[in-house]
Amino acid sequence: MQEEGILYQKSYPFSVRIVKMVRYLQDSKREFVLSKQVLRSGTAICALISEAKFASSKADFANKLHISLKEANETRYWLDLLKDTEYLEESFWTSMRKDNDEILRLLVSSINKIKQRE
């Protein structure tokens, strides 16, 4: 993993876990619809954080983080749905939600700091 900020350091391993979880869901549970949704939103979090690094302006930077926040919130929804439909075990869901919620808090904090500076 590259030397990056805390958002990247937390979201990249989360993306890797999402990819592995989707592989499990598709191979073991034969679940393809929900898993594609959580794959898209769960990996977009870090992708947008990576994009923000080379934003063209402060507004663009804030916008990329805001979209990443929306993707993290959507991922939270898909994780909950996968648990409630019994595709994910409670213990695994708890671990994923904990990581996702930490990323959500970091994104909110970062966005709030940007707003305070403006």
N, C-alpha and C. Protein backbone atom coordinates (compact mmCIF):
# COMPACT_ATOMS: atom_id res chain seq x y z
N MET A 1 0.85 -1.17 0.00
CA MET A 1 0.00 0.00 0.00
C MET A 1 0.89 1.24 0.00
N GLN A 2 0.55 2.21 -0.79
CA GLN A 2 1.31 3.43 -0.89
C GLN A 2 1.21 4.24 0.39
N GLU A 3 2.18 5.13 0.58
CA GLU A 3 2.10 6.08 1.69
C GLU A 3 1.00 7.08 1.37
N GLU A 4 -0.06 7.04 2.11
CA GLU A 4 -1.19 7.92 1.87
C GLU A 4 -1.74 8.40 3.20
N GLY A 5 -2.75 9.23 3.15
CA GLY A 5 -3.40 9.71 4.36
C GLY A 5 -4.26 8.64 5.01
N ILE A 6 -4.78 8.99 6.17
CA ILE A 6 -5.56 8.05 6.96
C ILE A 6 -6.80 7.55 6.22
N LEU A 7 -7.44 8.41 5.43
CA LEU A 7 -8.62 7.97 4.69
C LEU A 7 -8.26 6.84 3.73
N TYR A 8 -7.17 7.00 3.03
CA TYR A 8 -6.74 5.94 2.11
C TYR A 8 -6.32 4.69 2.88
N GLN A 9 -5.58 4.89 3.98
CA GLN A 9 -5.10 3.76 4.76
C GLN A 9 -6.23 2.93 5.34
N LYS A 10 -7.36 3.54 5.62
CA LYS A 10 -8.52 2.81 6.14
C LYS A 10 -9.39 2.26 5.02
N SER A 11 -9.55 3.01 3.95
CA SER A 11 -10.50 2.61 2.91
C SER A 11 -9.93 1.58 1.93
N TYR A 12 -8.62 1.58 1.71
CA TYR A 12 -8.07 0.59 0.78
C TYR A 12 -8.23 -0.85 1.30
N PRO A 13 -7.82 -1.13 2.55
CA PRO A 13 -8.05 -2.50 3.06
C PRO A 13 -9.54 -2.86 3.09
N PHE A 14 -10.39 -1.86 3.33
CA PHE A 14 -11.83 -2.11 3.30
C PHE A 14 -12.26 -2.53 1.89
N SER A 15 -11.73 -1.88 0.88
CA SER A 15 -12.03 -2.26 -0.51
C SER A 15 -11.60 -3.70 -0.79
N VAL A 16 -10.44 -4.07 -0.30
CA VAL A 16 -9.95 -5.44 -0.48
C VAL A 16 -10.91 -6.42 0.20
N ARG A 17 -11.36 -6.09 1.40
CA ARG A 17 -12.31 -6.96 2.11
C ARG A 17 -13.64 -7.07 1.35
N ILE A 18 -14.07 -5.96 0.76
CA ILE A 18 -15.31 -5.96 -0.03
C ILE A 18 -15.16 -6.92 -1.21
N VAL A 19 -14.05 -6.83 -1.93
CA VAL A 19 -13.83 -7.70 -3.09
C VAL A 19 -13.84 -9.17 -2.66
N LYS A 20 -13.17 -9.48 -1.57
CA LYS A 20 -13.13 -10.86 -1.09
C LYS A 20 -14.51 -11.32 -0.61
N MET A 21 -15.26 -10.42 0.02
CA MET A 21 -16.60 -10.76 0.47
C MET A 21 -17.50 -11.06 -0.74
N VAL A 22 -17.39 -10.25 -1.77
CA VAL A 22 -18.21 -10.47 -2.98
C VAL A 22 -17.83 -11.79 -3.64
N ARG A 23 -16.56 -12.10 -3.69
CA ARG A 23 -16.13 -13.38 -4.24
C ARG A 23 -16.78 -14.53 -3.45
N TYR A 24 -16.79 -14.42 -2.13
CA TYR A 24 -17.43 -15.42 -1.28
C TYR A 24 -18.93 -15.51 -1.57
N LEU A 25 -19.58 -14.36 -1.63
CA LEU A 25 -21.03 -14.35 -1.87
C LEU A 25 -21.38 -14.99 -3.21
N GLN A 26 -20.58 -14.71 -4.22
CA GLN A 26 -20.86 -15.26 -5.54
C GLN A 26 -20.50 -16.73 -5.65
N ASP A 27 -19.37 -17.12 -5.07
CA ASP A 27 -18.93 -18.52 -5.17
C ASP A 27 -19.70 -19.44 -4.23
N SER A 28 -19.90 -19.02 -2.99
CA SER A 28 -20.48 -19.90 -1.98
C SER A 28 -21.99 -19.75 -1.84
N LYS A 29 -22.48 -18.54 -1.96
CA LYS A 29 -23.91 -18.29 -1.75
C LYS A 29 -24.68 -18.14 -3.06
N ARG A 30 -23.95 -18.06 -4.17
CA ARG A 30 -24.57 -17.88 -5.50
C ARG A 30 -25.44 -16.63 -5.54
N GLU A 31 -24.97 -15.59 -4.88
CA GLU A 31 -25.69 -14.31 -4.83
C GLU A 31 -24.94 -13.34 -5.73
N PHE A 32 -25.65 -12.80 -6.74
CA PHE A 32 -25.00 -11.96 -7.73
C PHE A 32 -25.54 -10.54 -7.81
N VAL A 33 -26.77 -10.31 -7.44
CA VAL A 33 -27.38 -8.99 -7.61
C VAL A 33 -26.91 -8.03 -6.51
N LEU A 34 -27.15 -8.39 -5.26
CA LEU A 34 -26.75 -7.53 -4.15
C LEU A 34 -25.23 -7.40 -4.07
N SER A 35 -24.54 -8.48 -4.36
CA SER A 35 -23.08 -8.45 -4.26
C SER A 35 -22.47 -7.47 -5.27
N LYS A 36 -23.06 -7.37 -6.45
CA LYS A 36 -22.54 -6.40 -7.42
C LYS A 36 -22.75 -4.97 -6.94
N GLN A 37 -23.85 -4.74 -6.26
CA GLN A 37 -24.13 -3.39 -5.73
C GLN A 37 -23.12 -3.01 -4.65
N VAL A 38 -22.88 -3.93 -3.71
CA VAL A 38 -21.94 -3.62 -2.62
C VAL A 38 -20.50 -3.55 -3.16
N LEU A 39 -20.19 -4.30 -4.19
CA LEU A 39 -18.87 -4.22 -4.81
C LEU A 39 -18.66 -2.82 -5.41
N ARG A 40 -19.66 -2.35 -6.13
CA ARG A 40 -19.55 -1.04 -6.77
C ARG A 40 -19.39 0.07 -5.73
N SER A 41 -20.29 0.11 -4.75
CA SER A 41 -20.23 1.20 -3.78
C SER A 41 -19.05 1.05 -2.82
N GLY A 42 -18.76 -0.18 -2.41
CA GLY A 42 -17.70 -0.41 -1.44
C GLY A 42 -16.30 -0.11 -1.96
N THR A 43 -16.08 -0.34 -3.25
CA THR A 43 -14.77 -0.04 -3.83
C THR A 43 -14.69 1.41 -4.32
N ALA A 44 -15.83 2.03 -4.55
CA ALA A 44 -15.84 3.44 -4.99
C ALA A 44 -15.36 4.37 -3.89
N ILE A 45 -15.52 3.98 -2.64
CA ILE A 45 -15.10 4.83 -1.52
C ILE A 45 -13.63 5.22 -1.67
N CYS A 46 -12.77 4.24 -1.76
CA CYS A 46 -11.34 4.49 -1.86
C CYS A 46 -10.96 5.08 -3.22
N ALA A 47 -11.65 4.65 -4.26
CA ALA A 47 -11.36 5.20 -5.59
C ALA A 47 -11.57 6.72 -5.60
N LEU A 48 -12.63 7.18 -4.97
CA LEU A 48 -12.89 8.61 -4.92
C LEU A 48 -11.90 9.34 -4.03
N ILE A 49 -11.50 8.71 -2.95
CA ILE A 49 -10.47 9.29 -2.08
C ILE A 49 -9.16 9.42 -2.87
N SER A 50 -8.85 8.42 -3.68
CA SER A 50 -7.66 8.48 -4.53
C SER A 50 -7.77 9.59 -5.57
N GLU A 51 -8.95 9.73 -6.15
CA GLU A 51 -9.17 10.81 -7.12
C GLU A 51 -8.99 12.18 -6.48
N ALA A 52 -9.44 12.31 -5.23
CA ALA A 52 -9.37 13.60 -4.54
C ALA A 52 -7.94 14.08 -4.38
N LYS A 53 -7.01 13.16 -4.30
CA LYS A 53 -5.60 13.54 -4.14
C LYS A 53 -5.13 14.47 -5.25
N PHE A 54 -5.65 14.28 -6.44
CA PHE A 54 -5.26 15.10 -7.58
C PHE A 54 -6.41 15.98 -8.07
N ALA A 55 -7.23 16.43 -7.14
CA ALA A 55 -8.36 17.29 -7.49
C ALA A 55 -7.85 18.58 -8.12
N SER A 56 -8.67 19.15 -8.98
CA SER A 56 -8.27 20.36 -9.69
C SER A 56 -8.46 21.63 -8.87
N SER A 57 -9.19 21.53 -7.77
CA SER A 57 -9.41 22.70 -6.90
C SER A 57 -9.84 22.20 -5.52
N LYS A 58 -9.91 23.12 -4.58
CA LYS A 58 -10.39 22.76 -3.24
C LYS A 58 -11.85 22.32 -3.30
N ALA A 59 -12.63 22.95 -4.14
CA ALA A 59 -14.03 22.56 -4.29
C ALA A 59 -14.15 21.16 -4.89
N ASP A 60 -13.30 20.85 -5.85
CA ASP A 60 -13.30 19.52 -6.46
C ASP A 60 -12.88 18.48 -5.42
N PHE A 61 -11.88 18.80 -4.61
CA PHE A 61 -11.43 17.92 -3.54
C PHE A 61 -12.58 17.61 -2.58
N ALA A 62 -13.26 18.65 -2.13
CA ALA A 62 -14.39 18.48 -1.20
C ALA A 62 -15.50 17.67 -1.86
N ASN A 63 -15.76 17.93 -3.13
CA ASN A 63 -16.81 17.20 -3.85
C ASN A 63 -16.49 15.71 -3.94
N LYS A 64 -15.23 15.36 -4.23
CA LYS A 64 -14.84 13.94 -4.31
C LYS A 64 -15.03 13.27 -2.95
N LEU A 65 -14.66 13.94 -1.87
CA LEU A 65 -14.85 13.36 -0.53
C LEU A 65 -16.33 13.22 -0.21
N HIS A 66 -17.12 14.19 -0.64
CA HIS A 66 -18.56 14.12 -0.38
C HIS A 66 -19.20 12.94 -1.13
N ILE A 67 -18.79 12.72 -2.35
CA ILE A 67 -19.31 11.58 -3.12
C ILE A 67 -18.84 10.27 -2.46
N SER A 68 -17.59 10.25 -1.99
CA SER A 68 -17.09 9.07 -1.27
C SER A 68 -17.94 8.80 -0.03
N LEU A 69 -18.33 9.85 0.67
CA LEU A 69 -19.20 9.71 1.83
C LEU A 69 -20.54 9.08 1.44
N LYS A 70 -21.10 9.53 0.34
CA LYS A 70 -22.36 8.95 -0.14
C LYS A 70 -22.21 7.47 -0.48
N GLU A 71 -21.07 7.12 -1.09
CA GLU A 71 -20.82 5.71 -1.42
C GLU A 71 -20.66 4.88 -0.15
N ALA A 72 -20.00 5.44 0.86
CA ALA A 72 -19.84 4.73 2.14
C ALA A 72 -21.19 4.51 2.80
N ASN A 73 -22.04 5.51 2.72
CA ASN A 73 -23.39 5.36 3.29
C ASN A 73 -24.19 4.31 2.52
N GLU A 74 -24.07 4.30 1.21
CA GLU A 74 -24.75 3.28 0.41
C GLU A 74 -24.22 1.89 0.74
N THR A 75 -22.92 1.77 0.93
CA THR A 75 -22.32 0.49 1.29
C THR A 75 -22.89 -0.01 2.60
N ARG A 76 -23.08 0.91 3.53
CA ARG A 76 -23.69 0.55 4.82
C ARG A 76 -25.06 -0.10 4.60
N TYR A 77 -25.84 0.49 3.72
CA TYR A 77 -27.16 -0.06 3.38
C TYR A 77 -27.05 -1.49 2.84
N TRP A 78 -26.15 -1.70 1.86
CA TRP A 78 -26.02 -3.02 1.24
C TRP A 78 -25.53 -4.05 2.26
N LEU A 79 -24.60 -3.67 3.13
CA LEU A 79 -24.15 -4.59 4.17
C LEU A 79 -25.30 -4.99 5.09
N ASP A 80 -26.11 -4.01 5.49
CA ASP A 80 -27.26 -4.31 6.34
C ASP A 80 -28.24 -5.24 5.64
N LEU A 81 -28.49 -4.97 4.37
CA LEU A 81 -29.42 -5.80 3.62
C LEU A 81 -28.89 -7.23 3.47
N LEU A 82 -27.61 -7.36 3.21
CA LEU A 82 -27.01 -8.70 3.09
C LEU A 82 -27.11 -9.47 4.41
N LYS A 83 -26.95 -8.77 5.52
CA LYS A 83 -27.09 -9.45 6.81
C LYS A 83 -28.54 -9.82 7.07
N ASP A 84 -29.45 -8.90 6.83
CA ASP A 84 -30.86 -9.14 7.13
C ASP A 84 -31.50 -10.17 6.21
N THR A 85 -30.89 -10.41 5.07
CA THR A 85 -31.37 -11.46 4.15
C THR A 85 -30.57 -12.75 4.32
N GLU A 86 -29.75 -12.77 5.36
CA GLU A 86 -29.00 -13.95 5.78
C GLU A 86 -27.93 -14.42 4.80
N TYR A 87 -27.40 -13.49 4.02
CA TYR A 87 -26.26 -13.80 3.18
C TYR A 87 -24.95 -13.62 3.95
N LEU A 88 -24.95 -12.71 4.94
CA LEU A 88 -23.77 -12.49 5.77
C LEU A 88 -24.04 -12.92 7.19
N GLU A 89 -23.06 -13.58 7.78
CA GLU A 89 -23.17 -13.95 9.18
C GLU A 89 -22.99 -12.70 10.04
N GLU A 90 -23.62 -12.72 11.20
CA GLU A 90 -23.61 -11.59 12.12
C GLU A 90 -22.19 -11.12 12.46
N SER A 91 -21.30 -12.05 12.75
CA SER A 91 -19.94 -11.68 13.17
C SER A 91 -19.19 -10.98 12.03
N PHE A 92 -19.34 -11.47 10.82
CA PHE A 92 -18.67 -10.84 9.68
C PHE A 92 -19.28 -9.48 9.40
N TRP A 93 -20.61 -9.40 9.45
CA TRP A 93 -21.30 -8.12 9.24
C TRP A 93 -20.83 -7.10 10.27
N THR A 94 -20.72 -7.50 11.53
CA THR A 94 -20.29 -6.60 12.59
C THR A 94 -18.92 -6.01 12.28
N SER A 95 -18.02 -6.86 11.84
CA SER A 95 -16.67 -6.41 11.50
C SER A 95 -16.68 -5.44 10.31
N MET A 96 -17.42 -5.77 9.28
CA MET A 96 -17.51 -4.90 8.10
C MET A 96 -18.17 -3.57 8.44
N ARG A 97 -19.26 -3.63 9.22
CA ARG A 97 -19.95 -2.38 9.60
C ARG A 97 -19.06 -1.50 10.45
N LYS A 98 -18.28 -2.10 11.34
CA LYS A 98 -17.36 -1.33 12.18
C LYS A 98 -16.38 -0.56 11.30
N ASP A 99 -15.78 -1.24 10.34
CA ASP A 99 -14.83 -0.59 9.43
C ASP A 99 -15.52 0.48 8.59
N ASN A 100 -16.69 0.16 8.07
CA ASN A 100 -17.43 1.12 7.25
C ASN A 100 -17.80 2.36 8.06
N ASP A 101 -18.26 2.15 9.29
CA ASP A 101 -18.65 3.28 10.13
C ASP A 101 -17.45 4.15 10.48
N GLU A 102 -16.28 3.54 10.67
CA GLU A 102 -15.07 4.32 10.93
C GLU A 102 -14.73 5.20 9.72
N ILE A 103 -14.84 4.64 8.54
CA ILE A 103 -14.58 5.41 7.31
C ILE A 103 -15.61 6.54 7.18
N LEU A 104 -16.86 6.24 7.48
CA LEU A 104 -17.89 7.29 7.44
C LEU A 104 -17.52 8.44 8.38
N ARG A 105 -17.12 8.12 9.61
CA ARG A 105 -16.76 9.16 10.57
C ARG A 105 -15.56 9.98 10.09
N LEU A 106 -14.57 9.31 9.53
CA LEU A 106 -13.39 10.01 9.02
C LEU A 106 -13.76 10.94 7.86
N LEU A 107 -14.62 10.48 6.99
CA LEU A 107 -15.05 11.32 5.87
C LEU A 107 -15.84 12.53 6.35
N VAL A 108 -16.75 12.32 7.28
CA VAL A 108 -17.54 13.43 7.83
C VAL A 108 -16.60 14.45 8.48
N SER A 109 -15.66 13.96 9.26
CA SER A 109 -14.70 14.84 9.93
C SER A 109 -13.88 15.64 8.91
N SER A 110 -13.40 14.97 7.88
CA SER A 110 -12.60 15.64 6.85
C SER A 110 -13.41 16.69 6.12
N ILE A 111 -14.63 16.36 5.77
CA ILE A 111 -15.50 17.30 5.06
C ILE A 111 -15.82 18.50 5.96
N ASN A 112 -16.08 18.26 7.23
CA ASN A 112 -16.36 19.35 8.15
C ASN A 112 -15.15 20.27 8.32
N LYS A 113 -13.95 19.71 8.35
CA LYS A 113 -12.74 20.54 8.44
C LYS A 113 -12.58 21.41 7.20
N ILE A 114 -12.86 20.85 6.06
CA ILE A 114 -12.77 21.62 4.81
C ILE A 114 -13.77 22.78 4.85
N LYS A 115 -14.99 22.52 5.30
CA LYS A 115 -16.02 23.55 5.38
C LYS A 115 -15.62 24.65 6.35
N GLN A 116 -14.99 24.27 7.46
CA GLN A 116 -14.57 25.27 8.46
C GLN A 116 -13.50 26.20 7.91
N ARG A 117 -12.65 25.67 7.05
CA ARG A 117 -11.56 26.48 6.47
C ARG A 117 -12.06 27.49 5.44
N GLU A 118 -13.23 27.20 4.88
CA GLU A 118 -13.75 28.07 3.80
C GLU A 118 -14.34 29.33 4.33
